[in-house]
Amino acid sequence: AGVARPARRGLRSARAAMPLNFGATLEGDVAKVLHSPEELRKACQTLGAAISTDYEGKLPLVVGVLSGAAVFMSDLVRCITIPCELEFIAVSSYGKRSVSGDLHFKKDVSVDLKGRHVLIVEDIVDTGRTLKAVREAFSDRG
């Protein structure tokens, strides 16, 4: 009796099975690049320097909204020169039974927010409702 193994796929078939946003190249996945890697690097450096200055002597908590903000947040915190703590949340405010502004935490922070300086890093802000709801939920906690 042998062990059943999944069929091996070649690179071509694995590529075809990937969602569009996980391709090996941007070709076919992205209609237009809005900001170059250099522009993003400079933005992270500028934001990191501002955060480092504004929060000197404090211990900010940088909270990324999964999963879209993870890579940008990683780049950003590398540019912050003061100590900071990192957390991630996963939230949903959309769905059949969801009312705009309703928020469901699929993953929440694991630290107390009372008295903390919390910086929320979000990937896409379309209407701002999710970010507003996260901010209000965090404010209610102190």
C-alpha atoms as a PDB file:
ATOM      1  CA  ALA A   1       0.000   0.000   0.000  1.00  0.00           C
ATOM      2  CA  GLY A   2       1.524   3.238  -1.121  1.00  0.00           C
ATOM      3  CA  VAL A   3       0.907   6.764   0.007  1.00  0.00           C
ATOM      4  CA  ALA A   4      -1.372   8.779  -2.242  1.00  0.00           C
ATOM      5  CA  ARG A   5       0.331  11.903  -3.497  1.00  0.00           C
ATOM      6  CA  PRO A   6      -1.152  14.822  -5.340  1.00  0.00           C
ATOM      7  CA  ALA A   7      -0.322  15.014  -9.006  1.00  0.00           C
ATOM      8  CA  ARG A   8       2.692  17.205  -9.684  1.00  0.00           C
ATOM      9  CA  ARG A   9       1.920  20.262 -11.685  1.00  0.00           C
ATOM     10  CA  GLY A  10       4.335  21.995 -13.925  1.00  0.00           C
ATOM     11  CA  LEU A  11       5.043  25.703 -13.569  1.00  0.00           C
ATOM     12  CA  ARG A  12       2.646  26.500 -16.390  1.00  0.00           C
ATOM     13  CA  SER A  13      -0.346  24.742 -14.800  1.00  0.00           C
ATOM     14  CA  ALA A  14       0.496  26.085 -11.322  1.00  0.00           C
ATOM     15  CA  ARG A  15       0.615  29.593 -12.804  1.00  0.00           C
ATOM     16  CA  ALA A  16      -2.767  29.095 -14.426  1.00  0.00           C
ATOM     17  CA  ALA A  17      -4.243  27.992 -11.082  1.00  0.00           C
ATOM     18  CA  MET A  18      -2.965  31.081  -9.215  1.00  0.00           C
ATOM     19  CA  PRO A  19      -5.335  33.959  -8.545  1.00  0.00           C
ATOM     20  CA  LEU A  20      -4.608  36.953 -10.744  1.00  0.00           C
ATOM     21  CA  ASN A  21      -3.009  38.944  -7.940  1.00  0.00           C
ATOM     22  CA  PHE A  22      -0.380  36.283  -7.234  1.00  0.00           C
ATOM     23  CA  GLY A  23       1.224  35.946 -10.648  1.00  0.00           C
ATOM     24  CA  ALA A  24       4.961  35.641 -11.106  1.00  0.00           C
ATOM     25  CA  THR A  25       4.929  38.896 -13.081  1.00  0.00           C
ATOM     26  CA  LEU A  26       2.594  41.869 -13.327  1.00  0.00           C
ATOM     27  CA  GLU A  27       1.781  41.050 -16.933  1.00  0.00           C
ATOM     28  CA  GLY A  28      -1.902  40.276 -17.305  1.00  0.00           C
ATOM     29  CA  ASP A  29      -2.602  40.995 -13.641  1.00  0.00           C
ATOM     30  CA  VAL A  30      -2.222  44.776 -13.440  1.00  0.00           C
ATOM     31  CA  ALA A  31      -3.678  47.279 -15.889  1.00  0.00           C
ATOM     32  CA  LYS A  32      -1.590  50.213 -14.682  1.00  0.00           C
ATOM     33  CA  VAL A  33       1.137  50.698 -12.076  1.00  0.00           C
ATOM     34  CA  LEU A  34       0.270  53.785 -10.042  1.00  0.00           C
ATOM     35  CA  HIS A  35       3.490  54.139  -8.036  1.00  0.00           C
ATOM     36  CA  SER A  36       6.951  52.820  -8.800  1.00  0.00           C
ATOM     37  CA  PRO A  37       8.931  50.814  -6.241  1.00  0.00           C
ATOM     38  CA  GLU A  38      11.162  53.867  -5.789  1.00  0.00           C
ATOM     39  CA  GLU A  39       8.159  56.108  -5.040  1.00  0.00           C
ATOM     40  CA  LEU A  40       6.882  53.592  -2.483  1.00  0.00           C
ATOM     41  CA  ARG A  41      10.331  53.331  -0.883  1.00  0.00           C
ATOM     42  CA  LYS A  42      10.543  57.128  -0.573  1.00  0.00           C
ATOM     43  CA  ALA A  43       7.013  57.309   0.863  1.00  0.00           C
ATOM     44  CA  CYS A  44       7.938  54.713   3.498  1.00  0.00           C
ATOM     45  CA  GLN A  45      11.094  56.652   4.379  1.00  0.00           C
ATOM     46  CA  THR A  46       9.150  59.921   4.676  1.00  0.00           C
ATOM     47  CA  LEU A  47       6.392  58.355   6.787  1.00  0.00           C
ATOM     48  CA  GLY A  48       8.898  56.409   8.888  1.00  0.00           C
ATOM     49  CA  ALA A  49      10.871  59.582   9.639  1.00  0.00           C
ATOM     50  CA  ALA A  50       7.684  61.500  10.550  1.00  0.00           C
ATOM     51  CA  ILE A  51       6.469  58.683  12.827  1.00  0.00           C
ATOM     52  CA  SER A  52       9.897  58.452  14.463  1.00  0.00           C
ATOM     53  CA  THR A  53       9.865  62.195  15.181  1.00  0.00           C
ATOM     54  CA  ASP A  54       6.227  62.431  16.258  1.00  0.00           C
ATOM     55  CA  TYR A  55       6.401  59.425  18.590  1.00  0.00           C
ATOM     56  CA  GLU A  56       9.905  59.875  20.031  1.00  0.00           C
ATOM     57  CA  GLY A  57       9.890  58.695  23.651  1.00  0.00           C
ATOM     58  CA  LYS A  58       6.629  56.798  23.167  1.00  0.00           C
ATOM     59  CA  LEU A  59       5.989  53.208  22.164  1.00  0.00           C
ATOM     60  CA  PRO A  60       3.537  53.323  19.249  1.00  0.00           C
ATOM     61  CA  LEU A  61       1.511  50.273  18.346  1.00  0.00           C
ATOM     62  CA  VAL A  62       1.424  49.799  14.581  1.00  0.00           C
ATOM     63  CA  VAL A  63      -1.648  47.775  13.583  1.00  0.00           C
ATOM     64  CA  GLY A  64      -1.916  46.393  10.062  1.00  0.00           C
ATOM     65  CA  VAL A  65      -5.220  45.400   8.525  1.00  0.00           C
ATOM     66  CA  LEU A  66      -4.714  41.964   6.981  1.00  0.00           C
ATOM     67  CA  SER A  67      -3.914  40.940   4.515  1.00  0.00           C
ATOM     68  CA  GLY A  68      -3.410  43.771   2.092  1.00  0.00           C
ATOM     69  CA  ALA A  69      -1.420  46.036   4.404  1.00  0.00           C
ATOM     70  CA  ALA A  70       1.152  43.415   5.440  1.00  0.00           C
ATOM     71  CA  VAL A  71       3.838  44.095   2.827  1.00  0.00           C
ATOM     72  CA  PHE A  72       3.562  47.896   2.975  1.00  0.00           C
ATOM     73  CA  MET A  73       3.527  47.809   6.778  1.00  0.00           C
ATOM     74  CA  SER A  74       6.665  45.663   6.766  1.00  0.00           C
ATOM     75  CA  ASP A  75       8.422  48.185   4.538  1.00  0.00           C
ATOM     76  CA  LEU A  76       7.151  51.071   6.674  1.00  0.00           C
ATOM     77  CA  VAL A  77       8.269  49.725  10.055  1.00  0.00           C
ATOM     78  CA  ARG A  78      11.757  49.121   8.665  1.00  0.00           C
ATOM     79  CA  CYS A  79      11.915  52.919   8.211  1.00  0.00           C
ATOM     80  CA  ILE A  80      10.780  53.711  11.769  1.00  0.00           C
ATOM     81  CA  THR A  81      13.865  54.363  13.913  1.00  0.00           C
ATOM     82  CA  ILE A  82      12.203  54.239  17.348  1.00  0.00           C
ATOM     83  CA  PRO A  83      10.931  51.164  19.182  1.00  0.00           C
ATOM     84  CA  CYS A  84       7.389  50.166  18.219  1.00  0.00           C
ATOM     85  CA  GLU A  85       5.130  47.176  18.612  1.00  0.00           C
ATOM     86  CA  LEU A  86       3.357  45.400  15.772  1.00  0.00           C
ATOM     87  CA  GLU A  87      -0.069  43.796  15.636  1.00  0.00           C
ATOM     88  CA  PHE A  88      -2.398  42.674  12.882  1.00  0.00           C
ATOM     89  CA  ILE A  89      -6.161  42.599  12.648  1.00  0.00           C
ATOM     90  CA  ALA A  90      -8.517  41.045  10.130  1.00  0.00           C
ATOM     91  CA  VAL A  91     -11.886  42.709   9.787  1.00  0.00           C
ATOM     92  CA  SER A  92     -14.938  42.418   7.627  1.00  0.00           C
ATOM     93  CA  SER A  93     -17.578  45.042   7.111  1.00  0.00           C
ATOM     94  CA  TYR A  94     -19.117  43.655   3.972  1.00  0.00           C
ATOM     95  CA  GLY A  95     -21.451  40.803   3.234  1.00  0.00           C
ATOM     96  CA  LYS A  96     -25.088  39.976   2.723  1.00  0.00           C
ATOM     97  CA  ARG A  97     -26.122  40.788   6.287  1.00  0.00           C
ATOM     98  CA  SER A  98     -23.672  43.628   6.793  1.00  0.00           C
ATOM     99  CA  VAL A  99     -24.754  47.219   7.128  1.00  0.00           C
ATOM    100  CA  SER A 100     -22.208  49.847   6.133  1.00  0.00           C
ATOM    101  CA  GLY A 101     -20.090  50.589   9.186  1.00  0.00           C
ATOM    102  CA  ASP A 102     -20.807  47.231  10.876  1.00  0.00           C
ATOM    103  CA  LEU A 103     -17.524  45.593  11.753  1.00  0.00           C
ATOM    104  CA  HIS A 104     -16.645  42.007  12.516  1.00  0.00           C
ATOM    105  CA  PHE A 105     -13.151  41.277  13.876  1.00  0.00           C
ATOM    106  CA  LYS A 106     -11.949  37.983  12.425  1.00  0.00           C
ATOM    107  CA  LYS A 107      -8.597  38.556  14.173  1.00  0.00           C
ATOM    108  CA  ASP A 108      -8.151  41.161  16.866  1.00  0.00           C
ATOM    109  CA  VAL A 109      -5.141  42.696  18.589  1.00  0.00           C
ATOM    110  CA  SER A 110      -3.769  40.738  21.527  1.00  0.00           C
ATOM    111  CA  VAL A 111      -2.685  43.733  23.631  1.00  0.00           C
ATOM    112  CA  ASP A 112      -4.534  46.287  25.713  1.00  0.00           C
ATOM    113  CA  LEU A 113      -5.093  49.510  23.776  1.00  0.00           C
ATOM    114  CA  LYS A 114      -5.786  51.703  26.801  1.00  0.00           C
ATOM    115  CA  GLY A 115      -3.511  54.731  26.707  1.00  0.00           C
ATOM    116  CA  ARG A 116      -1.639  53.503  23.619  1.00  0.00           C
ATOM    117  CA  HIS A 117      -0.612  55.473  20.543  1.00  0.00           C
ATOM    118  CA  VAL A 118      -2.144  53.300  17.798  1.00  0.00           C
ATOM    119  CA  LEU A 119      -1.235  53.726  14.126  1.00  0.00           C
ATOM    120  CA  ILE A 120      -3.553  51.852  11.763  1.00  0.00           C
ATOM    121  CA  VAL A 121      -2.097  50.762   8.422  1.00  0.00           C
ATOM    122  CA  GLU A 122      -4.766  49.956   5.824  1.00  0.00           C
ATOM    123  CA  ASP A 123      -4.231  48.934   2.208  1.00  0.00           C
ATOM    124  CA  ILE A 124      -7.283  50.251   0.383  1.00  0.00           C
ATOM    125  CA  VAL A 125      -9.476  53.023   1.692  1.00  0.00           C
ATOM    126  CA  ASP A 126     -12.440  53.281  -0.638  1.00  0.00           C
ATOM    127  CA  THR A 127     -15.314  54.730   1.394  1.00  0.00           C
ATOM    128  CA  GLY A 128     -13.365  54.967   4.654  1.00  0.00           C
ATOM    129  CA  ARG A 129     -16.114  53.155   6.551  1.00  0.00           C
ATOM    130  CA  THR A 130     -13.955  50.216   7.616  1.00  0.00           C
ATOM    131  CA  LEU A 131     -11.127  52.455   8.807  1.00  0.00           C
ATOM    132  CA  LYS A 132     -13.605  54.685  10.653  1.00  0.00           C
ATOM    133  CA  ALA A 133     -15.215  51.659  12.321  1.00  0.00           C
ATOM    134  CA  VAL A 134     -11.812  50.249  13.383  1.00  0.00           C
ATOM    135  CA  ARG A 135     -10.802  53.633  14.776  1.00  0.00           C
ATOM    136  CA  GLU A 136     -14.064  53.924  16.728  1.00  0.00           C
ATOM    137  CA  ALA A 137     -13.754  50.370  18.061  1.00  0.00           C
ATOM    138  CA  PHE A 138     -10.204  51.072  19.202  1.00  0.00           C
ATOM    139  CA  SER A 139     -11.209  54.436  20.738  1.00  0.00           C
ATOM    140  CA  ASP A 140     -13.930  52.695  22.745  1.00  0.00           C
ATOM    141  CA  ARG A 141     -11.227  50.482  24.276  1.00  0.00           C
ATOM    142  CA  GLY A 142      -9.286  53.452  25.620  1.00  0.00           C
END
